[in-house]
All heavy atoms as atom14 arrays in JSON, in Angstrom:
{
  "sequence": "LMLISAKSREGLKIGLSVSKKVGNSVTRNHVKRLLREAIALIEEKI",
  "atom14_mask": [
    [1, 1, 1, 1, 1, 1, 1, 1, 0, 0, 0, 0, 0, 0],
    [1, 1, 1, 1, 1, 1, 1, 1, 0, 0, 0, 0, 0, 0],
    [1, 1, 1, 1, 1, 1, 1, 1, 0, 0, 0, 0, 0, 0],
    [1, 1, 1, 1, 1, 1, 1, 1, 0, 0, 0, 0, 0, 0],
    [1, 1, 1, 1, 1, 1, 0, 0, 0, 0, 0, 0, 0, 0],
    [1, 1, 1, 1, 1, 0, 0, 0, 0, 0, 0, 0, 0, 0],
    [1, 1, 1, 1, 1, 1, 1, 1, 1, 0, 0, 0, 0, 0],
    [1, 1, 1, 1, 1, 1, 0, 0, 0, 0, 0, 0, 0, 0],
    [1, 1, 1, 1, 1, 1, 1, 1, 1, 1, 1, 0, 0, 0],
    [1, 1, 1, 1, 1, 1, 1, 1, 1, 0, 0, 0, 0, 0],
    [1, 1, 1, 1, 0, 0, 0, 0, 0, 0, 0, 0, 0, 0],
    [1, 1, 1, 1, 1, 1, 1, 1, 0, 0, 0, 0, 0, 0],
    [1, 1, 1, 1, 1, 1, 1, 1, 1, 0, 0, 0, 0, 0],
    [1, 1, 1, 1, 1, 1, 1, 1, 0, 0, 0, 0, 0, 0],
    [1, 1, 1, 1, 0, 0, 0, 0, 0, 0, 0, 0, 0, 0],
    [1, 1, 1, 1, 1, 1, 1, 1, 0, 0, 0, 0, 0, 0],
    [1, 1, 1, 1, 1, 1, 0, 0, 0, 0, 0, 0, 0, 0],
    [1, 1, 1, 1, 1, 1, 1, 0, 0, 0, 0, 0, 0, 0],
    [1, 1, 1, 1, 1, 1, 0, 0, 0, 0, 0, 0, 0, 0],
    [1, 1, 1, 1, 1, 1, 1, 1, 1, 0, 0, 0, 0, 0],
    [1, 1, 1, 1, 1, 1, 1, 1, 1, 0, 0, 0, 0, 0],
    [1, 1, 1, 1, 1, 1, 1, 0, 0, 0, 0, 0, 0, 0],
    [1, 1, 1, 1, 0, 0, 0, 0, 0, 0, 0, 0, 0, 0],
    [1, 1, 1, 1, 1, 1, 1, 1, 0, 0, 0, 0, 0, 0],
    [1, 1, 1, 1, 1, 1, 0, 0, 0, 0, 0, 0, 0, 0],
    [1, 1, 1, 1, 1, 1, 1, 0, 0, 0, 0, 0, 0, 0],
    [1, 1, 1, 1, 1, 1, 1, 0, 0, 0, 0, 0, 0, 0],
    [1, 1, 1, 1, 1, 1, 1, 1, 1, 1, 1, 0, 0, 0],
    [1, 1, 1, 1, 1, 1, 1, 1, 0, 0, 0, 0, 0, 0],
    [1, 1, 1, 1, 1, 1, 1, 1, 1, 1, 0, 0, 0, 0],
    [1, 1, 1, 1, 1, 1, 1, 0, 0, 0, 0, 0, 0, 0],
    [1, 1, 1, 1, 1, 1, 1, 1, 1, 0, 0, 0, 0, 0],
    [1, 1, 1, 1, 1, 1, 1, 1, 1, 1, 1, 0, 0, 0],
    [1, 1, 1, 1, 1, 1, 1, 1, 0, 0, 0, 0, 0, 0],
    [1, 1, 1, 1, 1, 1, 1, 1, 0, 0, 0, 0, 0, 0],
    [1, 1, 1, 1, 1, 1, 1, 1, 1, 1, 1, 0, 0, 0],
    [1, 1, 1, 1, 1, 1, 1, 1, 1, 0, 0, 0, 0, 0],
    [1, 1, 1, 1, 1, 0, 0, 0, 0, 0, 0, 0, 0, 0],
    [1, 1, 1, 1, 1, 1, 1, 1, 0, 0, 0, 0, 0, 0],
    [1, 1, 1, 1, 1, 0, 0, 0, 0, 0, 0, 0, 0, 0],
    [1, 1, 1, 1, 1, 1, 1, 1, 0, 0, 0, 0, 0, 0],
    [1, 1, 1, 1, 1, 1, 1, 1, 0, 0, 0, 0, 0, 0],
    [1, 1, 1, 1, 1, 1, 1, 1, 1, 0, 0, 0, 0, 0],
    [1, 1, 1, 1, 1, 1, 1, 1, 1, 0, 0, 0, 0, 0],
    [1, 1, 1, 1, 1, 1, 1, 1, 1, 0, 0, 0, 0, 0],
    [1, 1, 1, 1, 1, 1, 1, 1, 0, 0, 0, 0, 0, 0]
  ],
  "atom14_positions": [
    [[-41.47, -12.2, -50.67], [-40.33, -11.33, -50.94], [-39.98, -10.48, -49.74], [-40.75, -10.38, -48.79], [-40.56, -10.46, -52.18], [-41.8, -9.58, -52.27], [-41.55, -8.22, -51.68], [-42.18, -9.43, -53.72], [0.0, 0.0, 0.0], [0.0, 0.0, 0.0], [0.0, 0.0, 0.0], [0.0, 0.0, 0.0], [0.0, 0.0, 0.0], [0.0, 0.0, 0.0]],
    [[-38.79, -9.9, -49.79], [-38.31, -9.03, -48.72], [-37.79, -7.74, -49.34], [-37.14, -7.77, -50.39], [-37.19, -9.71, -47.94], [-36.57, -8.84, -46.87], [-35.38, -9.68, -45.8], [-34.26, -10.42, -46.94], [0.0, 0.0, 0.0], [0.0, 0.0, 0.0], [0.0, 0.0, 0.0], [0.0, 0.0, 0.0], [0.0, 0.0, 0.0], [0.0, 0.0, 0.0]],
    [[-38.09, -6.61, -48.69], [-37.6, -5.3, -49.12], [-36.56, -4.83, -48.12], [-36.81, -4.81, -46.92], [-38.75, -4.3, -49.19], [-38.36, -2.87, -49.51], [-37.95, -2.76, -50.98], [-39.5, -1.93, -49.22], [0.0, 0.0, 0.0], [0.0, 0.0, 0.0], [0.0, 0.0, 0.0], [0.0, 0.0, 0.0], [0.0, 0.0, 0.0], [0.0, 0.0, 0.0]],
    [[-35.39, -4.47, -48.63], [-34.33, -3.89, -47.8], [-34.11, -2.47, -48.3], [-33.93, -2.26, -49.5], [-33.03, -4.7, -47.9], [-33.29, -6.18, -47.63], [-31.99, -4.16, -46.92], [-32.12, -7.08, -47.96], [0.0, 0.0, 0.0], [0.0, 0.0, 0.0], [0.0, 0.0, 0.0], [0.0, 0.0, 0.0], [0.0, 0.0, 0.0], [0.0, 0.0, 0.0]],
    [[-34.15, -1.49, -47.39], [-33.98, -0.09, -47.8], [-32.92, 0.59, -46.96], [-32.83, 0.38, -45.76], [-35.31, 0.66, -47.68], [-35.8, 0.58, -46.36], [0.0, 0.0, 0.0], [0.0, 0.0, 0.0], [0.0, 0.0, 0.0], [0.0, 0.0, 0.0], [0.0, 0.0, 0.0], [0.0, 0.0, 0.0], [0.0, 0.0, 0.0], [0.0, 0.0, 0.0]],
    [[-32.1, 1.42, -47.62], [-31.04, 2.17, -46.96], [-31.01, 3.57, -47.57], [-31.35, 3.76, -48.74], [-29.7, 1.48, -47.13], [0.0, 0.0, 0.0], [0.0, 0.0, 0.0], [0.0, 0.0, 0.0], [0.0, 0.0, 0.0], [0.0, 0.0, 0.0], [0.0, 0.0, 0.0], [0.0, 0.0, 0.0], [0.0, 0.0, 0.0], [0.0, 0.0, 0.0]],
    [[-30.59, 4.54, -46.79], [-30.49, 5.92, -47.25], [-29.6, 6.03, -48.5], [-28.61, 5.33, -48.62], [-29.9, 6.82, -46.17], [-30.9, 7.33, -45.18], [-31.88, 8.23, -45.84], [-32.4, 9.28, -44.89], [-33.45, 10.06, -45.52], [0.0, 0.0, 0.0], [0.0, 0.0, 0.0], [0.0, 0.0, 0.0], [0.0, 0.0, 0.0], [0.0, 0.0, 0.0]],
    [[-29.99, 6.94, -49.39], [-29.27, 7.09, -50.65], [-28.93, 8.55, -50.9], [-29.73, 9.44, -50.65], [-30.15, 6.59, -51.8], [-29.58, 6.89, -53.04], [0.0, 0.0, 0.0], [0.0, 0.0, 0.0], [0.0, 0.0, 0.0], [0.0, 0.0, 0.0], [0.0, 0.0, 0.0], [0.0, 0.0, 0.0], [0.0, 0.0, 0.0], [0.0, 0.0, 0.0]],
    [[-27.72, 8.79, -51.43], [-27.33, 10.13, -51.86], [-27.59, 10.3, -53.35], [-27.58, 11.41, -53.87], [-25.85, 10.36, -51.6], [-25.49, 10.39, -50.15], [-24.03, 10.73, -49.99], [-23.58, 10.31, -48.68], [-22.39, 9.82, -48.41], [-21.51, 9.69, -49.37], [-22.07, 9.48, -47.19], [0.0, 0.0, 0.0], [0.0, 0.0, 0.0], [0.0, 0.0, 0.0]],
    [[-27.82, 9.2, -54.04], [-27.96, 9.21, -55.5], [-29.4, 9.29, -55.96], [-29.65, 9.28, -57.16], [-27.32, 7.95, -56.07], [-25.9, 7.73, -55.66], [-25.41, 6.34, -56.0], [-26.09, 5.62, -56.74], [-24.33, 5.97, -55.52], [0.0, 0.0, 0.0], [0.0, 0.0, 0.0], [0.0, 0.0, 0.0], [0.0, 0.0, 0.0], [0.0, 0.0, 0.0]],
    [[-30.34, 9.31, -55.06], [-31.74, 9.28, -55.45], [-32.26, 7.85, -55.46], [-31.64, 6.94, -54.92], [0.0, 0.0, 0.0], [0.0, 0.0, 0.0], [0.0, 0.0, 0.0], [0.0, 0.0, 0.0], [0.0, 0.0, 0.0], [0.0, 0.0, 0.0], [0.0, 0.0, 0.0], [0.0, 0.0, 0.0], [0.0, 0.0, 0.0], [0.0, 0.0, 0.0]],
    [[-33.38, 7.65, -56.09], [-34.05, 6.35, -56.13], [-33.23, 5.33, -56.91], [-32.89, 5.54, -58.08], [-35.43, 6.49, -56.76], [-36.24, 5.2, -56.94], [-36.56, 4.59, -55.58], [-37.5, 5.46, -57.71], [0.0, 0.0, 0.0], [0.0, 0.0, 0.0], [0.0, 0.0, 0.0], [0.0, 0.0, 0.0], [0.0, 0.0, 0.0], [0.0, 0.0, 0.0]],
    [[-32.9, 4.23, -56.26], [-32.21, 3.1, -56.9], [-32.86, 1.83, -56.37], [-33.04, 1.67, -55.17], [-30.72, 3.07, -56.56], [-29.93, 4.25, -57.09], [-29.76, 4.16, -58.58], [-28.89, 5.3, -59.08], [-28.77, 5.28, -60.52], [0.0, 0.0, 0.0], [0.0, 0.0, 0.0], [0.0, 0.0, 0.0], [0.0, 0.0, 0.0], [0.0, 0.0, 0.0]],
    [[-33.2, 0.92, -57.29], [-33.85, -0.33, -56.92], [-33.1, -1.49, -57.56], [-32.87, -1.48, -58.77], [-35.32, -0.36, -57.37], [-36.09, 0.81, -56.74], [-35.98, -1.69, -56.99], [-37.5, 0.96, -57.28], [0.0, 0.0, 0.0], [0.0, 0.0, 0.0], [0.0, 0.0, 0.0], [0.0, 0.0, 0.0], [0.0, 0.0, 0.0], [0.0, 0.0, 0.0]],
    [[-32.73, -2.47, -56.74], [-32.06, -3.67, -57.24], [-32.89, -4.89, -56.95], [-33.65, -4.93, -55.98], [0.0, 0.0, 0.0], [0.0, 0.0, 0.0], [0.0, 0.0, 0.0], [0.0, 0.0, 0.0], [0.0, 0.0, 0.0], [0.0, 0.0, 0.0], [0.0, 0.0, 0.0], [0.0, 0.0, 0.0], [0.0, 0.0, 0.0], [0.0, 0.0, 0.0]],
    [[-32.74, -5.9, -57.79], [-33.47, -7.16, -57.62], [-32.49, -8.28, -57.34], [-31.44, -8.37, -57.99], [-34.27, -7.49, -58.88], [-35.26, -6.44, -59.35], [-35.9, -6.87, -60.66], [-36.32, -6.19, -58.3], [0.0, 0.0, 0.0], [0.0, 0.0, 0.0], [0.0, 0.0, 0.0], [0.0, 0.0, 0.0], [0.0, 0.0, 0.0], [0.0, 0.0, 0.0]],
    [[-32.83, -9.12, -56.38], [-32.01, -10.27, -56.05], [-32.87, -11.52, -56.15], [-33.77, -11.72, -55.33], [-31.44, -10.12, -54.64], [-30.72, -11.26, -54.27], [0.0, 0.0, 0.0], [0.0, 0.0, 0.0], [0.0, 0.0, 0.0], [0.0, 0.0, 0.0], [0.0, 0.0, 0.0], [0.0, 0.0, 0.0], [0.0, 0.0, 0.0], [0.0, 0.0, 0.0]],
    [[-32.61, -12.34, -57.15], [-33.36, -13.57, -57.37], [-32.34, -14.7, -57.45], [-31.64, -14.84, -58.45], [-34.21, -13.49, -58.66], [-35.05, -14.73, -58.83], [-35.1, -12.25, -58.65], [0.0, 0.0, 0.0], [0.0, 0.0, 0.0], [0.0, 0.0, 0.0], [0.0, 0.0, 0.0], [0.0, 0.0, 0.0], [0.0, 0.0, 0.0], [0.0, 0.0, 0.0]],
    [[-32.26, -15.52, -56.4], [-31.24, -16.55, -56.33], [-31.65, -17.81, -57.09], [-32.78, -17.96, -57.54], [-30.95, -16.9, -54.87], [-32.0, -17.68, -54.35], [0.0, 0.0, 0.0], [0.0, 0.0, 0.0], [0.0, 0.0, 0.0], [0.0, 0.0, 0.0], [0.0, 0.0, 0.0], [0.0, 0.0, 0.0], [0.0, 0.0, 0.0], [0.0, 0.0, 0.0]],
    [[-30.72, -18.75, -57.17], [-30.98, -20.01, -57.85], [-32.0, -20.87, -57.1], [-32.54, -21.81, -57.66], [-29.68, -20.8, -58.03], [-28.79, -20.22, -59.09], [-27.59, -21.12, -59.32], [-26.71, -20.55, -60.42], [-25.55, -21.42, -60.67], [0.0, 0.0, 0.0], [0.0, 0.0, 0.0], [0.0, 0.0, 0.0], [0.0, 0.0, 0.0], [0.0, 0.0, 0.0]],
    [[-32.27, -20.54, -55.84], [-33.29, -21.26, -55.08], [-34.67, -21.04, -55.68], [-35.58, -21.84, -55.48], [-33.28, -20.82, -53.62], [-32.05, -21.22, -52.86], [-32.1, -20.69, -51.46], [-30.81, -21.0, -50.73], [-30.8, -20.42, -49.38], [0.0, 0.0, 0.0], [0.0, 0.0, 0.0], [0.0, 0.0, 0.0], [0.0, 0.0, 0.0], [0.0, 0.0, 0.0]],
    [[-34.85, -19.92, -56.38], [-36.15, -19.59, -56.98], [-36.44, -20.51, -58.16], [-37.59, -20.88, -58.4], [-36.18, -18.11, -57.41], [-37.44, -17.79, -58.17], [-36.06, -17.22, -56.18], [0.0, 0.0, 0.0], [0.0, 0.0, 0.0], [0.0, 0.0, 0.0], [0.0, 0.0, 0.0], [0.0, 0.0, 0.0], [0.0, 0.0, 0.0], [0.0, 0.0, 0.0]],
    [[-35.42, -20.9, -58.91], [-35.63, -21.79, -60.04], [-34.52, -21.67, -61.06], [-33.49, -21.04, -60.8], [0.0, 0.0, 0.0], [0.0, 0.0, 0.0], [0.0, 0.0, 0.0], [0.0, 0.0, 0.0], [0.0, 0.0, 0.0], [0.0, 0.0, 0.0], [0.0, 0.0, 0.0], [0.0, 0.0, 0.0], [0.0, 0.0, 0.0], [0.0, 0.0, 0.0]],
    [[-34.75, -22.25, -62.24], [-33.74, -22.17, -63.29], [-33.71, -20.77, -63.9], [-34.47, -19.89, -63.49], [-33.97, -23.26, -64.35], [-35.3, -23.1, -65.07], [-35.93, -22.05, -65.02], [-35.73, -24.15, -65.74], [0.0, 0.0, 0.0], [0.0, 0.0, 0.0], [0.0, 0.0, 0.0], [0.0, 0.0, 0.0], [0.0, 0.0, 0.0], [0.0, 0.0, 0.0]],
    [[-32.86, -20.55, -64.87], [-32.66, -19.2, -65.41], [-33.93, -18.63, -66.04], [-34.21, -17.43, -65.92], [-31.52, -19.18, -66.41], [-31.83, -20.0, -67.52], [0.0, 0.0, 0.0], [0.0, 0.0, 0.0], [0.0, 0.0, 0.0], [0.0, 0.0, 0.0], [0.0, 0.0, 0.0], [0.0, 0.0, 0.0], [0.0, 0.0, 0.0], [0.0, 0.0, 0.0]],
    [[-34.71, -19.48, -66.69], [-35.95, -19.02, -67.3], [-36.91, -18.52, -66.23], [-37.51, -17.44, -66.35], [-36.6, -20.16, -68.14], [-37.95, -19.74, -68.66], [-35.68, -20.57, -69.27], [0.0, 0.0, 0.0], [0.0, 0.0, 0.0], [0.0, 0.0, 0.0], [0.0, 0.0, 0.0], [0.0, 0.0, 0.0], [0.0, 0.0, 0.0], [0.0, 0.0, 0.0]],
    [[-37.04, -19.26, -65.15], [-37.92, -18.88, -64.04], [-37.44, -17.62, -63.36], [-38.23, -16.72, -63.06], [-38.01, -20.04, -63.01], [-38.43, -21.22, -63.69], [-38.98, -19.71, -61.91], [0.0, 0.0, 0.0], [0.0, 0.0, 0.0], [0.0, 0.0, 0.0], [0.0, 0.0, 0.0], [0.0, 0.0, 0.0], [0.0, 0.0, 0.0], [0.0, 0.0, 0.0]],
    [[-36.12, -17.54, -63.11], [-35.57, -16.35, -62.45], [-35.8, -15.1, -63.3], [-36.18, -14.05, -62.78], [-34.07, -16.52, -62.18], [-33.78, -17.56, -61.12], [-32.34, -17.5, -60.63], [-31.34, -17.52, -61.68], [-30.78, -18.62, -62.18], [-31.16, -19.81, -61.75], [-29.85, -18.53, -63.1], [0.0, 0.0, 0.0], [0.0, 0.0, 0.0], [0.0, 0.0, 0.0]],
    [[-35.59, -15.19, -64.59], [-35.81, -14.04, -65.47], [-37.28, -13.66, -65.54], [-37.62, -12.48, -65.58], [-35.25, -14.31, -66.87], [-33.75, -14.26, -66.89], [-33.14, -13.46, -66.18], [-33.14, -15.12, -67.67], [0.0, 0.0, 0.0], [0.0, 0.0, 0.0], [0.0, 0.0, 0.0], [0.0, 0.0, 0.0], [0.0, 0.0, 0.0], [0.0, 0.0, 0.0]],
    [[-38.16, -14.65, -65.51], [-39.6, -14.38, -65.48], [-39.98, -13.63, -64.21], [-40.72, -12.64, -64.26], [-40.38, -15.69, -65.58], [-41.85, -15.52, -65.49], [-42.59, -14.93, -66.49], [-42.73, -15.83, -64.51], [-43.86, -14.91, -66.13], [-43.96, -15.45, -64.93], [0.0, 0.0, 0.0], [0.0, 0.0, 0.0], [0.0, 0.0, 0.0], [0.0, 0.0, 0.0]],
    [[-39.44, -14.06, -63.08], [-39.7, -13.4, -61.79], [-39.18, -11.98, -61.82], [-39.86, -11.05, -61.37], [-39.08, -14.21, -60.63], [-39.06, -13.4, -59.35], [-39.85, -15.51, -60.43], [0.0, 0.0, 0.0], [0.0, 0.0, 0.0], [0.0, 0.0, 0.0], [0.0, 0.0, 0.0], [0.0, 0.0, 0.0], [0.0, 0.0, 0.0], [0.0, 0.0, 0.0]],
    [[-37.99, -11.76, -62.38], [-37.44, -10.4, -62.46], [-38.29, -9.5, -63.35], [-38.52, -8.33, -63.01], [-35.99, -10.43, -62.97], [-35.01, -10.95, -61.93], [-33.59, -10.8, -62.38], [-33.16, -12.03, -63.12], [-31.72, -12.05, -63.44], [0.0, 0.0, 0.0], [0.0, 0.0, 0.0], [0.0, 0.0, 0.0], [0.0, 0.0, 0.0], [0.0, 0.0, 0.0]],
    [[-38.8, -10.04, -64.46], [-39.69, -9.24, -65.32], [-40.97, -8.87, -64.59], [-41.44, -7.73, -64.68], [-40.02, -10.0, -66.6], [-38.9, -10.01, -67.61], [-39.35, -10.49, -68.97], [-39.96, -11.8, -68.94], [-39.31, -12.96, -69.05], [-37.99, -12.95, -69.16], [-39.95, -14.1, -69.04], [0.0, 0.0, 0.0], [0.0, 0.0, 0.0], [0.0, 0.0, 0.0]],
    [[-41.55, -9.82, -63.84], [-42.75, -9.53, -63.06], [-42.49, -8.45, -62.01], [-43.29, -7.52, -61.84], [-43.26, -10.79, -62.36], [-43.97, -11.84, -63.19], [-44.28, -13.06, -62.34], [-45.23, -11.28, -63.79], [0.0, 0.0, 0.0], [0.0, 0.0, 0.0], [0.0, 0.0, 0.0], [0.0, 0.0, 0.0], [0.0, 0.0, 0.0], [0.0, 0.0, 0.0]],
    [[-41.36, -8.55, -61.32], [-41.01, -7.56, -60.3], [-40.81, -6.18, -60.91], [-41.31, -5.18, -60.38], [-39.76, -7.99, -59.54], [-39.92, -9.17, -58.58], [-38.57, -9.64, -58.08], [-40.82, -8.79, -57.42], [0.0, 0.0, 0.0], [0.0, 0.0, 0.0], [0.0, 0.0, 0.0], [0.0, 0.0, 0.0], [0.0, 0.0, 0.0], [0.0, 0.0, 0.0]],
    [[-40.1, -6.1, -62.03], [-39.88, -4.8, -62.68], [-41.18, -4.16, -63.1], [-41.38, -2.96, -62.95], [-38.96, -4.96, -63.89], [-37.5, -4.98, -63.53], [-36.64, -4.86, -64.77], [-35.55, -5.79, -64.64], [-35.42, -6.94, -65.29], [-36.31, -7.29, -66.19], [-34.41, -7.73, -65.07], [0.0, 0.0, 0.0], [0.0, 0.0, 0.0], [0.0, 0.0, 0.0]],
    [[-42.1, -4.96, -63.63], [-43.39, -4.43, -64.07], [-44.22, -3.96, -62.87], [-44.86, -2.91, -62.93], [-44.16, -5.5, -64.86], [-45.44, -5.01, -65.46], [-45.26, -3.87, -66.45], [-44.22, -3.84, -67.16], [-46.14, -3.0, -66.52], [0.0, 0.0, 0.0], [0.0, 0.0, 0.0], [0.0, 0.0, 0.0], [0.0, 0.0, 0.0], [0.0, 0.0, 0.0]],
    [[-44.2, -4.72, -61.79], [-44.94, -4.34, -60.59], [-44.38, -3.05, -59.98], [-45.13, -2.19, -59.51], [-44.91, -5.46, -59.56], [0.0, 0.0, 0.0], [0.0, 0.0, 0.0], [0.0, 0.0, 0.0], [0.0, 0.0, 0.0], [0.0, 0.0, 0.0], [0.0, 0.0, 0.0], [0.0, 0.0, 0.0], [0.0, 0.0, 0.0], [0.0, 0.0, 0.0]],
    [[-43.06, -2.89, -60.03], [-42.43, -1.68, -59.5], [-42.78, -0.48, -60.39], [-43.01, 0.62, -59.89], [-40.9, -1.87, -59.4], [-40.58, -2.89, -58.32], [-40.2, -0.55, -59.11], [-39.16, -3.4, -58.37], [0.0, 0.0, 0.0], [0.0, 0.0, 0.0], [0.0, 0.0, 0.0], [0.0, 0.0, 0.0], [0.0, 0.0, 0.0], [0.0, 0.0, 0.0]],
    [[-42.82, -0.69, -61.69], [-43.12, 0.41, -62.62], [-44.49, 1.02, -62.34], [-44.68, 2.22, -62.54], [-43.06, -0.09, -64.06], [0.0, 0.0, 0.0], [0.0, 0.0, 0.0], [0.0, 0.0, 0.0], [0.0, 0.0, 0.0], [0.0, 0.0, 0.0], [0.0, 0.0, 0.0], [0.0, 0.0, 0.0], [0.0, 0.0, 0.0], [0.0, 0.0, 0.0]],
    [[-45.42, 0.22, -61.86], [-46.77, 0.72, -61.57], [-46.79, 1.72, -60.41], [-47.62, 2.63, -60.38], [-47.72, -0.43, -61.26], [-48.0, -1.39, -62.41], [-48.84, -2.56, -61.92], [-48.68, -0.67, -63.56], [0.0, 0.0, 0.0], [0.0, 0.0, 0.0], [0.0, 0.0, 0.0], [0.0, 0.0, 0.0], [0.0, 0.0, 0.0], [0.0, 0.0, 0.0]],
    [[-45.88, 1.56, -59.45], [-45.89, 2.43, -58.27], [-44.62, 3.27, -58.15], [-44.39, 3.93, -57.14], [-46.1, 1.62, -56.97], [-44.95, 0.63, -56.75], [-47.44, 0.94, -56.96], [-44.91, 0.05, -55.36], [0.0, 0.0, 0.0], [0.0, 0.0, 0.0], [0.0, 0.0, 0.0], [0.0, 0.0, 0.0], [0.0, 0.0, 0.0], [0.0, 0.0, 0.0]],
    [[-43.79, 3.27, -59.19], [-42.47, 3.92, -59.13], [-42.54, 5.4, -58.76], [-41.7, 5.88, -57.99], [-41.79, 3.75, -60.48], [-40.33, 4.07, -60.48], [-39.65, 3.6, -61.75], [-40.34, 3.22, -62.71], [-38.42, 3.64, -61.77], [0.0, 0.0, 0.0], [0.0, 0.0, 0.0], [0.0, 0.0, 0.0], [0.0, 0.0, 0.0], [0.0, 0.0, 0.0]],
    [[-43.51, 6.12, -59.27], [-43.59, 7.55, -58.97], [-44.02, 7.83, -57.53], [-43.83, 8.93, -57.04], [-44.53, 8.26, -59.95], [-45.99, 7.9, -59.83], [-46.37, 6.6, -60.53], [-45.55, 6.05, -61.28], [-47.49, 6.14, -60.31], [0.0, 0.0, 0.0], [0.0, 0.0, 0.0], [0.0, 0.0, 0.0], [0.0, 0.0, 0.0], [0.0, 0.0, 0.0]],
    [[-44.55, 6.83, -56.84], [-44.99, 7.01, -55.45], [-43.94, 6.59, -54.44], [-44.1, 6.83, -53.25], [-46.27, 6.2, -55.2], [-47.45, 6.67, -56.0], [-48.66, 5.81, -55.69], [-49.83, 6.19, -56.55], [-50.98, 5.3, -56.33], [0.0, 0.0, 0.0], [0.0, 0.0, 0.0], [0.0, 0.0, 0.0], [0.0, 0.0, 0.0], [0.0, 0.0, 0.0]],
    [[-42.86, 5.96, -54.9], [-41.83, 5.46, -54.0], [-40.91, 6.61, -53.58], [-40.49, 7.41, -54.41], [-41.01, 4.35, -54.68], [-41.91, 3.16, -55.02], [-39.87, 3.89, -53.79], [-41.23, 2.09, -55.85], [0.0, 0.0, 0.0], [0.0, 0.0, 0.0], [0.0, 0.0, 0.0], [0.0, 0.0, 0.0], [0.0, 0.0, 0.0], [0.0, 0.0, 0.0]]
  ]
}
């Protein structure tokens, strides 16, 4: 994965980009759920 970060005036905002190259819709949604859960573990430290 790759992390892209830019200055924000709105506070912490995190977006996920999972393209069709990753897999079908079931696979992409599974990857997004894994990423959201992994982010939730360290969210207060970001």
